[in-house]
Amino acid sequence: MAGMGNPTHQDWAPVVLRKTGSSAPKPSGGGGGGGGGVKTSTGMSAAKLDAAEEGGKHATVDKALSKKIMQARTAKKMSQKDLATRVGVKSDIIQSYENGKAIPNQQVIGKIEKALGCQLREKKFKKKK
């Protein structure tokens, strides 16, 4: 343990933290030309993706679907917690589907249909030529 008290062998350079609006040099993101920031899987920056969204809101569950879920669940005399346990999700997810605030996930809706034993979505048929 000799030499543990002397930190001269380590690099103890001071680190200065500044706000983002400072004149400190910014690291290059690899590709030249503005936009930088976090890139999504599509290659767009997260800020551009947010700006490009229509209306700034995500699509939520249709009110008709949320009403069907609630009616089918109550007809089976199940609580939201019971349905959530059967589906394998948290009870607040079932609550958000019934309130119409959830972002629709077809897999979750399919599991809800299976757990309730009824069809909640309308099937779309393709016309034959």
Protein backbone atom coordinates (compact mmCIF):
# COMPACT_ATOMS: atom_id res chain seq x y z
CA MET A 1 0.00 0.00 0.00
CA ALA A 2 2.93 2.28 -0.34
CA GLY A 3 2.17 5.07 -2.78
CA MET A 4 -1.61 5.05 -2.34
CA GLY A 5 -1.58 8.45 -0.71
CA ASN A 6 0.21 10.12 -3.64
CA PRO A 7 -2.12 10.65 -6.65
CA THR A 8 0.61 12.00 -8.96
CA HIS A 9 0.34 9.00 -11.30
CA GLN A 10 -3.26 9.88 -12.29
CA ASP A 11 -4.59 12.57 -14.61
CA TRP A 12 -6.35 15.11 -12.43
CA ALA A 13 -7.26 17.72 -15.05
CA PRO A 14 -10.08 20.08 -14.07
CA VAL A 15 -13.43 19.59 -15.79
CA VAL A 16 -15.52 22.68 -16.54
CA LEU A 17 -19.25 22.23 -17.09
CA ARG A 18 -21.13 24.83 -19.11
CA LYS A 19 -24.73 25.26 -20.21
CA THR A 20 -25.64 24.26 -23.77
CA GLY A 21 -25.76 27.88 -24.92
CA SER A 22 -22.07 28.46 -24.11
CA SER A 23 -19.33 29.05 -26.66
CA ALA A 24 -17.60 25.77 -25.79
CA PRO A 25 -16.72 23.60 -28.79
CA LYS A 26 -19.33 20.93 -29.47
CA PRO A 27 -18.40 17.38 -30.46
CA SER A 28 -19.09 16.53 -34.08
CA GLY A 29 -21.87 13.98 -34.71
CA GLY A 30 -19.97 12.32 -37.56
CA GLY A 31 -21.88 13.85 -40.46
CA GLY A 32 -21.35 17.51 -41.23
CA GLY A 33 -24.12 20.03 -41.47
CA GLY A 34 -26.43 20.90 -38.57
CA GLY A 35 -29.34 18.97 -37.24
CA GLY A 36 -27.10 16.93 -34.90
CA GLY A 37 -28.62 15.46 -31.80
CA VAL A 38 -29.91 11.98 -31.16
CA LYS A 39 -30.70 10.03 -34.31
CA THR A 40 -33.66 7.68 -34.61
CA SER A 41 -33.72 4.41 -36.51
CA THR A 42 -34.99 6.29 -39.57
CA GLY A 43 -31.96 8.58 -39.52
CA MET A 44 -33.92 11.69 -38.55
CA SER A 45 -32.94 13.63 -35.48
CA ALA A 46 -35.37 13.34 -32.61
CA ALA A 47 -36.11 17.08 -32.76
CA LYS A 48 -36.98 16.92 -36.48
CA LEU A 49 -39.16 13.87 -35.89
CA ASP A 50 -41.06 15.69 -33.15
CA ALA A 51 -41.53 18.72 -35.39
CA ALA A 52 -42.71 16.55 -38.29
CA GLU A 53 -45.50 14.87 -36.35
CA GLU A 54 -48.95 15.89 -37.45
CA GLY A 55 -50.70 17.85 -34.75
CA GLY A 56 -48.16 16.71 -32.16
CA LYS A 57 -50.38 13.92 -30.83
CA HIS A 58 -50.24 10.15 -31.14
CA ALA A 59 -53.21 8.11 -32.29
CA THR A 60 -55.15 6.75 -29.34
CA VAL A 61 -57.58 3.89 -28.94
CA ASP A 62 -60.93 4.47 -30.63
CA LYS A 63 -63.80 5.23 -28.23
CA ALA A 64 -65.85 2.39 -29.73
CA LEU A 65 -63.07 -0.11 -28.98
CA SER A 66 -62.63 1.15 -25.42
CA LYS A 67 -66.39 0.82 -24.86
CA LYS A 68 -66.38 -2.73 -26.27
CA ILE A 69 -63.51 -3.73 -23.95
CA MET A 70 -65.31 -2.33 -20.93
CA GLN A 71 -68.64 -3.98 -21.83
CA ALA A 72 -67.05 -7.38 -22.53
CA ARG A 73 -65.06 -7.25 -19.28
CA THR A 74 -68.08 -6.35 -17.17
CA ALA A 75 -70.18 -9.03 -18.91
CA LYS A 76 -67.57 -11.60 -17.81
CA LYS A 77 -67.69 -10.05 -14.29
CA MET A 78 -63.96 -9.37 -14.35
CA SER A 79 -62.13 -6.47 -12.79
CA GLN A 80 -59.46 -4.55 -14.68
CA LYS A 81 -56.89 -6.28 -12.51
CA ASP A 82 -58.26 -9.74 -13.40
CA LEU A 83 -58.16 -8.93 -17.11
CA ALA A 84 -54.65 -7.50 -16.81
CA THR A 85 -53.47 -10.68 -15.09
CA ARG A 86 -54.93 -12.86 -17.86
CA VAL A 87 -53.44 -10.68 -20.59
CA GLY A 88 -50.08 -10.37 -18.84
CA VAL A 89 -49.93 -6.57 -18.56
CA LYS A 90 -50.28 -4.05 -15.74
CA SER A 91 -53.78 -3.01 -14.70
CA ASP A 92 -53.12 0.63 -15.59
CA ILE A 93 -52.67 -0.43 -19.23
CA ILE A 94 -56.17 -1.94 -19.24
CA GLN A 95 -57.43 1.24 -17.60
CA SER A 96 -55.81 3.40 -20.28
CA TYR A 97 -57.38 1.24 -23.03
CA GLU A 98 -60.82 1.64 -21.44
CA ASN A 99 -60.32 5.39 -21.00
CA GLY A 100 -59.30 5.72 -24.65
CA LYS A 101 -55.91 7.21 -23.77
CA ALA A 102 -53.68 4.28 -24.76
CA ILE A 103 -51.67 4.12 -27.96
CA PRO A 104 -53.13 1.08 -29.73
CA ASN A 105 -50.97 -2.04 -29.78
CA GLN A 106 -52.46 -4.78 -31.95
CA GLN A 107 -50.76 -7.55 -29.95
CA VAL A 108 -52.24 -6.31 -26.67
CA ILE A 109 -55.67 -5.91 -28.27
CA GLY A 110 -55.42 -9.47 -29.60
CA LYS A 111 -54.56 -10.77 -26.12
CA ILE A 112 -57.51 -8.86 -24.65
CA GLU A 113 -59.81 -10.40 -27.28
CA LYS A 114 -58.51 -13.87 -26.44
CA ALA A 115 -58.89 -13.34 -22.68
CA LEU A 116 -62.44 -12.03 -23.06
CA GLY A 117 -63.39 -14.61 -25.69
CA CYS A 118 -64.86 -12.10 -28.12
CA GLN A 119 -63.90 -10.11 -31.18
CA LEU A 120 -63.35 -6.42 -30.48
CA ARG A 121 -61.85 -5.27 -33.78
CA GLU A 122 -63.64 -5.20 -37.09
CA LYS A 123 -62.16 -7.42 -39.76
CA LYS A 124 -61.31 -5.72 -43.02
CA PHE A 125 -61.97 -7.86 -46.05
CA LYS A 126 -60.09 -7.49 -49.31
CA LYS A 127 -62.17 -7.38 -52.44
CA LYS A 128 -61.35 -10.01 -55.04
CA LYS A 129 -60.99 -8.86 -58.62
